[in-house]
Amino acid sequence: MNIEKLVLDLCAYDDEQEWFEFKENWFQPEVLGEYISALSNAAAFHYKTQAYFIWGVNDETHEIVGTTFNQYCDHNKEPYQNFLARNLSPSINFSFEEGTVDNKRVVVLVIPAAEEIPTAFKEKRYIRIGSSKANLKDYPKREIQLFKILDGRVETIETLPAKYQELTFSKLFGYYGSKGIVLNEKTFEKNLGLRNKDGEYNLLAQLLSDNSHFPLRVSIFEGETKGSNLFSVREFGNNCLLYTLDEVLRYADVLNLIQTDESERVVERPETPLFDNRAFREAIINAILHNLWISGNEPMISVFSNRIEILSRGTLAPAQTMEGFFLGESIPVNEKLSEIFLQLHISEKSGRGVPKIIETYGKEAFTFRENSIVVTIPLQKIKKVGKKVGDKVGDKVGNKKGLNSRRQRIITEMRDNPNITTSELHQILEISETAVENNLTFLKENGYVERVGSKKTGYWKVLE
């Protein structure tokens, strides 16, 4: 094992991950046993083959400081390593490795990932939650997910074989080269995790190959629903996913028209883009990074006359909470793809993507459906009508005159589902159907919404 390369690679992370830990000279014999259990289970949870406990590195700055830790010490008149082996179950083949980095001594405890059942210390199972060690039974969702992983019941882009095995990677080499990183032809498949345990190319390899067979489509509709005329479909894909992402982000510049308000004749006229490009970029990257690719479906981008919807398949990562999601706590659905995006500086570990979208468009930009997550980016259009008409529209729609929170909620639900029924609104709002009808009448009479078609087969149109 190349200790220096391993330590430097781990130090390059912005923060400690759940499958490795840095310390300087710390040593508590019993607690270290618990850490081994936690790290072994965390490695399995994150589909790593090994976890690491490293002495000689400052855990905050990741500076190599050296260590005096003695891995050959005794504990209760017994060699410490024997003590560990005797109390870990099932038995795992851990090892202490010693080396120097920057002429400073480091010690690395190499911990195999759990297999078949979680690793326990003194019959208790532990897990890492962020940078903390916790009892596994206190986190039942993680415990259930870990057992599924160990039973082989959870497929990922790293375990699922690619549909196509004749893959080439010249574009991947070119992309890395454009970032100043040279891939080694002999080791890149192993380093990037492009093969599963059976030696087959996995779905990750297919996504990064010269032809991923996953196109990303941008559908542009004339109106505000998919029932309106389809203006155009632009397809990006059947390419290396990294290039596909770049193409979609460049296409955003085409969509994001810069508008000039000429309603007032002034020397300097403000320019307004249709949408915030940084929020759009974060939404696209997140959709690709967290998409449930094993479902066989790619993200979907729909452009309407008043908004852009970016849909990714699947739901939150098993270890993620709604609170953590909105706070920007990054728990990737596709672990290895996330590492590659970080390595190429496409995304950041800081988790600023979701908070950036919330800062610009609020939490209501996110809609969580049963099998997908949708980010809605409204289009900010400048009215090109006379001042008198503009004021009239602004009074009703722009200023939301007469709109209480319930009526605003109805409009939001209509945007998400133009085919929503009175009965469904009754259940969502928890008010009587008569109250729903009264609110709908108000919205229609005051020009907020319009019913297109019949009551049974038509749909709701939210007016600008």
Protein backbone atom coordinates (compact mmCIF):
# COMPACT_ATOMS: atom_id res chain seq x y z
CA MET A 1 0.00 0.00 0.00
CA ASN A 2 1.24 3.46 -0.93
CA ILE A 3 0.68 5.20 2.43
CA GLU A 4 1.77 8.63 1.24
CA LYS A 5 -0.61 8.67 -1.74
CA LEU A 6 -3.51 7.36 0.34
CA VAL A 7 -3.06 9.97 3.09
CA LEU A 8 -2.63 12.85 0.65
CA ASP A 9 -5.71 11.75 -1.33
CA LEU A 10 -7.81 11.69 1.84
CA CYS A 11 -6.40 15.03 3.04
CA ALA A 12 -7.57 16.56 -0.25
CA TYR A 13 -11.20 16.21 0.88
CA ASP A 14 -12.70 19.41 2.28
CA ASP A 15 -14.15 17.48 5.22
CA GLU A 16 -13.78 14.09 6.83
CA GLN A 17 -16.07 11.53 5.25
CA GLU A 18 -18.00 8.89 7.13
CA TRP A 19 -15.51 6.22 6.11
CA PHE A 20 -12.27 7.82 7.38
CA GLU A 21 -11.09 9.66 10.48
CA PHE A 22 -8.05 11.84 11.23
CA LYS A 23 -6.35 12.14 14.64
CA GLU A 24 -2.96 13.33 15.87
CA ASN A 25 -2.01 11.30 18.96
CA TRP A 26 -5.44 10.39 20.31
CA PHE A 27 -5.85 6.90 21.80
CA GLN A 28 -8.67 5.42 23.90
CA PRO A 29 -8.52 1.61 23.64
CA GLU A 30 -12.23 0.89 24.08
CA VAL A 31 -13.48 3.82 22.00
CA LEU A 32 -11.14 2.97 19.14
CA GLY A 33 -12.79 -0.46 18.97
CA GLU A 34 -16.14 1.28 18.61
CA TYR A 35 -14.68 3.47 15.85
CA ILE A 36 -13.54 0.38 13.95
CA SER A 37 -17.10 -0.98 14.05
CA ALA A 38 -18.52 2.39 12.95
CA LEU A 39 -16.02 2.90 10.13
CA SER A 40 -16.37 -0.68 8.85
CA ASN A 41 -20.15 -0.32 8.64
CA ALA A 42 -19.89 3.17 7.12
CA ALA A 43 -17.57 1.85 4.42
CA ALA A 44 -20.17 -0.77 3.48
CA PHE A 45 -22.93 1.85 3.59
CA HIS A 46 -21.00 4.00 1.11
CA TYR A 47 -19.91 1.05 -1.07
CA LYS A 48 -16.24 1.37 -0.12
CA THR A 49 -14.05 -1.70 0.24
CA GLN A 50 -12.10 -0.19 3.13
CA ALA A 51 -12.24 2.50 5.80
CA TYR A 52 -9.29 4.28 7.44
CA PHE A 53 -8.35 5.66 10.85
CA ILE A 54 -5.25 7.82 10.45
CA TRP A 55 -2.90 9.22 13.09
CA GLY A 56 -0.63 12.14 12.29
CA VAL A 57 -3.14 14.46 10.58
CA ASN A 58 -4.97 17.41 12.13
CA ASP A 59 -8.69 16.64 11.78
CA GLU A 60 -9.66 20.28 11.18
CA THR A 61 -6.94 21.62 8.89
CA HIS A 62 -5.87 18.26 7.36
CA GLU A 63 -2.27 19.33 7.94
CA ILE A 64 0.29 16.52 8.22
CA VAL A 65 1.62 16.93 11.77
CA GLY A 66 3.11 13.51 12.56
CA THR A 67 2.27 11.20 15.47
CA THR A 68 3.75 9.37 18.43
CA PHE A 69 0.92 6.81 18.54
CA ASN A 70 2.21 3.28 19.29
CA GLN A 71 0.14 0.64 17.54
CA TYR A 72 2.11 -2.14 19.30
CA CYS A 73 1.13 -1.15 22.85
CA ASP A 74 -0.60 -3.41 25.38
CA HIS A 75 -4.06 -3.04 26.91
CA ASN A 76 -4.82 -4.77 30.20
CA LYS A 77 -1.61 -6.82 29.87
CA GLU A 78 -2.62 -8.03 26.39
CA PRO A 79 -1.28 -6.89 23.01
CA TYR A 80 -3.73 -4.24 21.91
CA GLN A 81 -4.20 -5.70 18.44
CA ASN A 82 -5.15 -9.04 20.01
CA PHE A 83 -7.66 -7.22 22.20
CA LEU A 84 -9.26 -5.66 19.13
CA ALA A 85 -9.38 -8.91 17.17
CA ARG A 86 -10.96 -10.75 20.11
CA ASN A 87 -13.75 -8.18 20.54
CA LEU A 88 -14.66 -7.52 16.89
CA SER A 89 -17.35 -9.71 15.38
CA PRO A 90 -17.49 -11.07 12.83
CA SER A 91 -13.72 -11.20 12.56
CA ILE A 92 -12.28 -8.65 10.11
CA ASN A 93 -8.74 -8.55 8.77
CA PHE A 94 -7.76 -5.05 9.94
CA SER A 95 -4.14 -3.94 9.81
CA PHE A 96 -1.90 -1.09 11.03
CA GLU A 97 0.34 0.42 8.37
CA GLU A 98 3.12 2.91 9.09
CA GLY A 99 4.83 5.38 6.78
CA THR A 100 6.04 8.93 6.33
CA VAL A 101 4.39 11.86 4.61
CA ASP A 102 6.32 15.12 4.27
CA ASN A 103 9.01 13.49 6.45
CA LYS A 104 6.50 13.04 9.28
CA ARG A 105 5.40 9.73 10.76
CA VAL A 106 1.82 8.61 10.12
CA VAL A 107 -0.01 5.43 11.11
CA VAL A 108 -2.97 4.14 9.12
CA LEU A 109 -5.45 1.61 10.49
CA VAL A 110 -6.91 -0.13 7.44
CA ILE A 111 -10.42 -1.42 8.17
CA PRO A 112 -12.26 -3.76 5.75
CA ALA A 113 -15.88 -2.90 5.00
CA ALA A 114 -18.53 -5.04 6.68
CA GLU A 115 -19.70 -8.07 4.73
CA GLU A 116 -22.90 -10.10 5.15
CA ILE A 117 -23.68 -8.60 8.59
CA PRO A 118 -22.62 -5.32 10.30
CA THR A 119 -19.34 -5.26 12.22
CA ALA A 120 -19.75 -5.12 16.01
CA PHE A 121 -17.40 -4.31 18.89
CA LYS A 122 -18.22 -6.08 22.15
CA GLU A 123 -21.50 -7.15 20.55
CA LYS A 124 -22.60 -3.58 19.81
CA ARG A 125 -22.87 -2.20 16.29
CA TYR A 126 -21.87 1.36 15.51
CA ILE A 127 -22.16 3.67 12.50
CA ARG A 128 -20.79 7.06 11.49
CA ILE A 129 -23.24 9.95 11.19
CA GLY A 130 -21.32 12.81 9.64
CA SER A 131 -18.14 12.99 11.74
CA SER A 132 -19.73 11.40 14.82
CA LYS A 133 -19.83 7.81 16.01
CA ALA A 134 -23.27 6.49 16.98
CA ASN A 135 -25.00 3.29 18.00
CA LEU A 136 -26.52 1.76 14.88
CA LYS A 137 -29.77 0.79 16.60
CA ASP A 138 -30.48 4.47 17.26
CA TYR A 139 -30.74 5.03 13.48
CA PRO A 140 -33.22 2.39 12.25
CA LYS A 141 -33.44 3.75 8.69
CA ARG A 142 -29.68 3.47 8.25
CA GLU A 143 -29.71 0.05 9.89
CA ILE A 144 -32.37 -1.24 7.48
CA GLN A 145 -30.52 0.27 4.49
CA LEU A 146 -27.21 -1.24 5.65
CA PHE A 147 -28.73 -4.71 5.90
CA LYS A 148 -30.18 -4.32 2.41
CA ILE A 149 -26.75 -3.33 1.09
CA LEU A 150 -25.05 -6.26 2.81
CA ASP A 151 -27.72 -8.64 1.49
CA GLY A 152 -27.09 -7.39 -2.05
CA ARG A 153 -30.64 -6.06 -2.31
CA VAL A 154 -29.59 -2.51 -3.21
CA GLU A 155 -28.37 -1.87 -6.73
CA THR A 156 -26.23 1.18 -7.51
CA ILE A 157 -24.54 2.53 -10.61
CA GLU A 158 -21.39 0.82 -9.29
CA THR A 159 -22.92 -2.65 -8.84
CA LEU A 160 -25.39 -2.76 -11.76
CA PRO A 161 -23.74 -4.06 -14.95
CA ALA A 162 -23.80 -1.77 -17.96
CA LYS A 163 -26.32 -2.68 -20.64
CA TYR A 164 -23.49 -2.32 -23.16
CA GLN A 165 -20.11 -3.92 -22.46
CA GLU A 166 -18.20 -2.77 -25.53
CA LEU A 167 -17.32 0.64 -24.13
CA THR A 168 -14.66 3.17 -25.08
CA PHE A 169 -13.47 6.19 -23.07
CA SER A 170 -11.57 8.55 -25.36
CA LYS A 171 -13.89 11.46 -24.48
CA LEU A 172 -13.42 10.80 -20.76
CA PHE A 173 -9.65 11.07 -21.22
CA GLY A 174 -10.16 14.29 -23.17
CA TYR A 175 -12.40 15.81 -20.50
CA TYR A 176 -9.97 15.01 -17.70
CA GLY A 177 -7.14 16.38 -19.84
CA SER A 178 -9.02 19.66 -20.31
CA LYS A 179 -9.05 19.96 -16.51
CA GLY A 180 -5.30 19.36 -16.27
CA ILE A 181 -5.67 15.79 -14.98
CA VAL A 182 -3.98 12.91 -16.78
CA LEU A 183 -5.71 9.53 -16.52
CA ASN A 184 -3.56 6.41 -16.46
CA GLU A 185 -4.76 3.97 -19.12
CA LYS A 186 -3.81 0.99 -16.95
CA THR A 187 -5.44 2.09 -13.71
CA PHE A 188 -8.28 4.52 -14.57
CA GLU A 189 -10.96 1.81 -14.56
CA LYS A 190 -10.02 0.75 -11.03
CA ASN A 191 -9.47 4.29 -9.74
CA LEU A 192 -12.82 5.53 -11.07
CA GLY A 193 -14.67 2.33 -10.06
CA LEU A 194 -15.87 1.44 -13.56
CA ARG A 195 -16.23 -2.31 -13.00
CA ASN A 196 -18.38 -4.25 -10.55
CA LYS A 197 -17.29 -7.19 -8.41
CA ASP A 198 -17.85 -9.60 -11.31
CA GLY A 199 -15.42 -7.64 -13.50
CA GLU A 200 -18.14 -6.28 -15.80
CA TYR A 201 -18.40 -2.65 -16.81
CA ASN A 202 -20.99 -1.07 -14.50
CA LEU A 203 -23.61 1.59 -15.19
CA LEU A 204 -21.18 4.31 -14.06
CA ALA A 205 -18.82 3.20 -16.84
CA GLN A 206 -21.65 3.40 -19.35
CA LEU A 207 -22.53 6.93 -18.25
CA LEU A 208 -18.90 8.05 -18.65
CA SER A 209 -18.25 6.18 -21.90
CA ASP A 210 -18.13 7.74 -25.36
CA ASN A 211 -21.79 6.77 -25.84
CA SER A 212 -23.78 6.64 -22.61
CA HIS A 213 -27.04 5.77 -24.42
CA PHE A 214 -28.71 8.26 -22.05
CA PRO A 215 -29.86 11.43 -23.86
CA LEU A 216 -30.87 14.55 -21.94
CA ARG A 217 -33.81 16.30 -23.58
CA VAL A 218 -34.93 19.89 -23.18
CA SER A 219 -38.59 20.16 -24.19
CA ILE A 220 -39.97 23.64 -24.84
CA PHE A 221 -43.74 24.13 -24.62
CA GLU A 222 -45.68 27.05 -26.00
CA GLY A 223 -47.89 27.41 -22.93
CA GLU A 224 -47.81 26.64 -19.24
CA THR A 225 -48.67 22.93 -19.34
CA LYS A 226 -47.66 19.85 -21.28
CA GLY A 227 -51.08 20.00 -22.85
CA SER A 228 -49.96 23.06 -24.82
CA ASN A 229 -48.16 22.86 -28.16
CA LEU A 230 -44.66 21.40 -28.05
CA PHE A 231 -42.52 24.11 -29.59
CA SER A 232 -39.26 22.12 -29.85
CA VAL A 233 -37.21 19.29 -28.34
CA ARG A 234 -33.45 19.70 -28.10
CA GLU A 235 -31.58 16.48 -27.37
CA PHE A 236 -28.16 16.35 -25.76
CA GLY A 237 -26.61 13.01 -25.14
CA ASN A 238 -25.58 9.61 -26.35
CA ASN A 239 -22.28 11.10 -25.31
CA CYS A 240 -20.01 11.01 -22.25
CA LEU A 241 -22.20 12.34 -19.41
CA LEU A 242 -19.62 15.01 -18.55
CA TYR A 243 -19.85 16.52 -22.04
CA THR A 244 -23.65 16.19 -22.02
CA LEU A 245 -23.75 18.24 -18.82
CA ASP A 246 -21.55 20.93 -20.35
CA GLU A 247 -23.79 21.11 -23.44
CA VAL A 248 -26.95 21.52 -21.37
CA LEU A 249 -25.36 24.26 -19.26
CA ARG A 250 -24.23 26.09 -22.41
CA TYR A 251 -27.73 25.79 -23.84
CA ALA A 252 -28.98 27.64 -20.76
CA ASP A 253 -27.23 30.74 -22.12
CA VAL A 254 -29.39 30.44 -25.25
CA LEU A 255 -32.57 30.11 -23.21
CA ASN A 256 -31.71 32.88 -20.76
CA LEU A 257 -32.65 35.89 -22.85
CA ILE A 258 -31.54 39.26 -21.55
CA GLN A 259 -34.48 41.69 -21.51
CA THR A 260 -34.38 45.48 -21.47
CA ASP A 261 -37.19 47.44 -19.88
CA GLU A 262 -38.04 50.24 -22.32
CA SER A 263 -41.28 51.28 -20.64
CA GLU A 264 -39.52 54.33 -19.20
CA ARG A 265 -37.34 56.38 -21.53
CA VAL A 266 -34.20 56.75 -19.48
CA VAL A 267 -30.57 56.88 -20.54
CA GLU A 268 -29.58 53.67 -18.74
CA ARG A 269 -32.13 50.85 -19.05
CA PRO A 270 -31.84 47.90 -16.66
CA GLU A 271 -31.27 44.49 -18.19
CA THR A 272 -33.10 41.51 -16.70
CA PRO A 273 -32.36 37.84 -17.47
CA LEU A 274 -35.24 35.36 -17.67
CA PHE A 275 -33.83 33.34 -14.76
CA ASP A 276 -30.90 33.15 -12.36
CA ASN A 277 -28.20 31.22 -14.18
CA ARG A 278 -26.38 30.09 -11.00
CA ALA A 279 -29.54 28.57 -9.55
CA PHE A 280 -30.25 26.85 -12.88
CA ARG A 281 -26.72 25.46 -12.98
CA GLU A 282 -26.99 24.06 -9.45
CA ALA A 283 -30.38 22.51 -10.23
CA ILE A 284 -29.06 20.79 -13.37
CA ILE A 285 -25.91 19.47 -11.65
CA ASN A 286 -27.94 18.19 -8.70
CA ALA A 287 -30.46 16.52 -11.02
CA ILE A 288 -27.71 14.63 -12.85
CA LEU A 289 -25.70 13.86 -9.73
CA HIS A 290 -28.63 12.54 -7.67
CA ASN A 291 -30.68 10.97 -10.46
CA LEU A 292 -31.70 7.35 -9.93
CA TRP A 293 -29.88 6.15 -13.05
CA ILE A 294 -30.50 2.48 -12.21
CA SER A 295 -34.17 3.10 -13.05
CA GLY A 296 -33.09 3.38 -16.69
CA ASN A 297 -34.38 6.95 -16.96
CA GLU A 298 -32.54 10.22 -17.24
CA PRO A 299 -33.49 13.64 -15.77
CA MET A 300 -36.12 15.62 -17.65
CA ILE A 301 -36.01 19.35 -18.42
CA SER A 302 -39.23 21.12 -19.45
CA VAL A 303 -39.43 24.78 -20.41
CA PHE A 304 -42.86 26.42 -20.20
CA SER A 305 -43.92 29.97 -20.95
CA ASN A 306 -43.66 30.93 -17.27
CA ARG A 307 -41.15 28.49 -15.71
CA ILE A 308 -38.53 25.78 -16.15
CA GLU A 309 -39.01 22.41 -14.47
CA ILE A 310 -35.99 20.18 -13.82
CA LEU A 311 -37.00 16.67 -12.77
CA SER A 312 -34.66 14.02 -11.38
CA ARG A 313 -35.73 10.43 -10.83
CA GLY A 314 -35.86 8.91 -7.36
CA THR A 315 -36.10 10.49 -3.94
CA LEU A 316 -33.75 11.62 -1.17
CA ALA A 317 -30.79 9.41 -0.28
CA PRO A 318 -31.75 6.87 2.46
CA ALA A 319 -29.55 8.61 5.03
CA GLN A 320 -30.87 12.08 4.14
CA THR A 321 -33.56 14.01 5.99
CA MET A 322 -35.73 16.81 4.66
CA GLU A 323 -34.17 19.22 7.15
CA GLY A 324 -30.66 18.18 6.14
CA PHE A 325 -31.56 18.51 2.47
CA PHE A 326 -32.68 22.12 2.82
CA LEU A 327 -29.65 22.96 4.97
CA GLY A 328 -27.35 21.72 2.21
CA GLU A 329 -26.03 18.61 3.98
CA SER A 330 -24.64 16.69 1.02
CA ILE A 331 -25.49 12.97 1.03
CA PRO A 332 -25.13 11.80 -2.57
CA VAL A 333 -27.33 9.16 -4.16
CA ASN A 334 -24.52 8.17 -6.55
CA GLU A 335 -21.41 8.04 -4.36
CA LYS A 336 -18.68 7.50 -6.96
CA LEU A 337 -20.18 9.93 -9.47
CA SER A 338 -20.17 12.53 -6.69
CA GLU A 339 -16.46 11.92 -6.09
CA ILE A 340 -15.75 12.37 -9.80
CA PHE A 341 -17.72 15.64 -9.92
CA LEU A 342 -15.74 16.87 -6.91
CA GLN A 343 -12.43 15.85 -8.47
CA LEU A 344 -13.31 17.77 -11.64
CA HIS A 345 -14.60 20.78 -9.65
CA ILE A 346 -18.03 20.44 -11.24
CA SER A 347 -19.64 20.43 -7.81
CA GLU A 348 -18.55 21.26 -4.27
CA LYS A 349 -18.69 19.33 -1.02
CA SER A 350 -19.87 22.49 0.71
CA GLY A 351 -23.46 21.68 -0.22
CA ARG A 352 -24.20 25.19 -1.46
CA GLY A 353 -26.38 24.03 -4.37
CA VAL A 354 -29.73 23.63 -2.61
CA PRO A 355 -29.26 26.70 -0.35
CA LYS A 356 -28.40 28.74 -3.45
CA ILE A 357 -31.67 27.73 -5.12
CA ILE A 358 -33.60 28.45 -1.90
CA GLU A 359 -31.91 31.83 -1.53
CA THR A 360 -33.08 32.78 -5.01
CA TYR A 361 -36.47 31.09 -5.33
CA GLY A 362 -37.42 29.82 -1.85
CA LYS A 363 -38.15 26.30 -0.59
CA GLU A 364 -41.27 26.23 -2.72
CA ALA A 365 -38.99 25.76 -5.73
CA PHE A 366 -38.73 22.10 -4.66
CA THR A 367 -41.54 19.61 -5.12
CA PHE A 368 -41.13 16.08 -3.75
CA ARG A 369 -43.16 13.48 -5.58
CA GLU A 370 -43.38 9.76 -4.97
CA ASN A 371 -40.63 8.86 -7.45
CA SER A 372 -39.04 12.17 -8.38
CA ILE A 373 -37.87 15.57 -7.21
CA VAL A 374 -38.74 18.66 -9.27
CA VAL A 375 -37.04 22.06 -9.13
CA THR A 376 -39.19 24.87 -10.54
CA ILE A 377 -37.43 28.00 -11.75
CA PRO A 378 -39.88 30.82 -12.60
CA LEU A 379 -39.21 33.00 -15.62
CA GLN A 380 -39.04 36.70 -14.90
CA LYS A 381 -40.57 38.34 -17.96
CA ILE A 382 -40.83 42.08 -18.56
CA LYS A 383 -44.28 43.12 -19.71
CA LYS A 384 -44.19 44.64 -23.20
CA VAL A 385 -47.56 46.35 -23.00
CA GLY A 386 -48.64 49.90 -22.42
CA LYS A 387 -48.36 51.40 -18.98
CA LYS A 388 -52.11 51.43 -18.40
CA VAL A 389 -52.52 47.77 -19.20
CA GLY A 390 -49.35 46.94 -17.31
CA ASP A 391 -50.67 48.55 -14.15
CA LYS A 392 -53.88 46.59 -14.43
CA VAL A 393 -52.05 43.30 -14.74
CA GLY A 394 -49.66 44.24 -11.96
CA ASP A 395 -52.52 45.04 -9.59
CA LYS A 396 -54.02 41.62 -10.06
CA VAL A 397 -51.12 39.33 -10.55
CA GLY A 398 -47.82 41.05 -9.88
CA ASN A 399 -48.87 42.49 -6.52
CA LYS A 400 -51.07 39.47 -5.63
CA LYS A 401 -53.86 41.79 -4.47
CA GLY A 402 -56.49 39.83 -2.57
CA LEU A 403 -54.43 36.63 -2.45
CA ASN A 404 -54.30 35.04 0.97
CA SER A 405 -52.04 32.09 1.72
CA ARG A 406 -54.77 29.57 0.83
CA ARG A 407 -55.33 31.05 -2.62
CA GLN A 408 -51.60 31.25 -3.27
CA ARG A 409 -51.40 27.55 -2.29
CA ILE A 410 -54.12 26.72 -4.82
CA ILE A 411 -52.17 28.50 -7.57
CA THR A 412 -48.99 26.62 -6.58
CA GLU A 413 -50.85 23.29 -6.73
CA MET A 414 -52.26 24.19 -10.15
CA ARG A 415 -48.78 24.98 -11.46
CA ASP A 416 -47.53 21.60 -10.23
CA ASN A 417 -50.59 19.76 -11.52
CA PRO A 418 -52.81 21.61 -14.04
CA ASN A 419 -55.25 18.67 -13.98
CA ILE A 420 -55.85 18.90 -10.23
CA THR A 421 -59.50 18.42 -9.20
CA THR A 422 -61.71 20.15 -6.65
CA SER A 423 -61.76 16.92 -4.64
CA GLU A 424 -57.95 16.78 -4.57
CA LEU A 425 -57.72 20.43 -3.47
CA HIS A 426 -60.27 19.67 -0.75
CA GLN A 427 -57.96 16.93 0.60
CA ILE A 428 -54.76 18.96 0.27
CA LEU A 429 -56.13 22.15 1.85
CA GLU A 430 -58.29 20.32 4.40
CA ILE A 431 -61.29 22.58 3.73
CA SER A 432 -64.76 21.80 2.39
CA GLU A 433 -65.35 21.43 -1.34
CA THR A 434 -67.70 24.42 -1.12
CA ALA A 435 -64.83 26.54 0.26
CA VAL A 436 -62.61 25.28 -2.55
CA GLU A 437 -65.22 26.27 -5.15
CA ASN A 438 -65.56 29.76 -3.60
CA ASN A 439 -61.78 30.28 -3.80
CA LEU A 440 -61.69 29.02 -7.40
CA THR A 441 -64.49 31.43 -8.33
CA PHE A 442 -62.50 34.32 -6.82
CA LEU A 443 -59.32 33.32 -8.71
CA LYS A 444 -61.17 33.01 -12.03
CA GLU A 445 -63.16 36.25 -11.67
CA ASN A 446 -60.05 38.23 -10.74
CA GLY A 447 -57.93 36.93 -13.59
CA TYR A 448 -55.52 34.70 -11.70
CA VAL A 449 -56.51 31.40 -13.31
CA GLU A 450 -58.51 30.19 -16.24
CA ARG A 451 -60.28 26.89 -16.81
CA VAL A 452 -59.43 25.53 -20.27
CA GLY A 453 -61.88 22.93 -21.58
CA SER A 454 -64.64 21.15 -19.72
CA LYS A 455 -64.82 20.53 -15.98
CA LYS A 456 -64.09 16.82 -16.50
CA THR A 457 -61.47 16.80 -19.27
CA GLY A 458 -60.02 20.32 -19.13
CA TYR A 459 -57.14 21.77 -17.12
CA TRP A 460 -56.21 24.86 -15.11
CA LYS A 461 -54.14 27.61 -16.66
CA VAL A 462 -52.35 30.00 -14.29
CA LEU A 463 -52.33 33.46 -15.86
CA GLU A 464 -49.28 35.72 -15.77
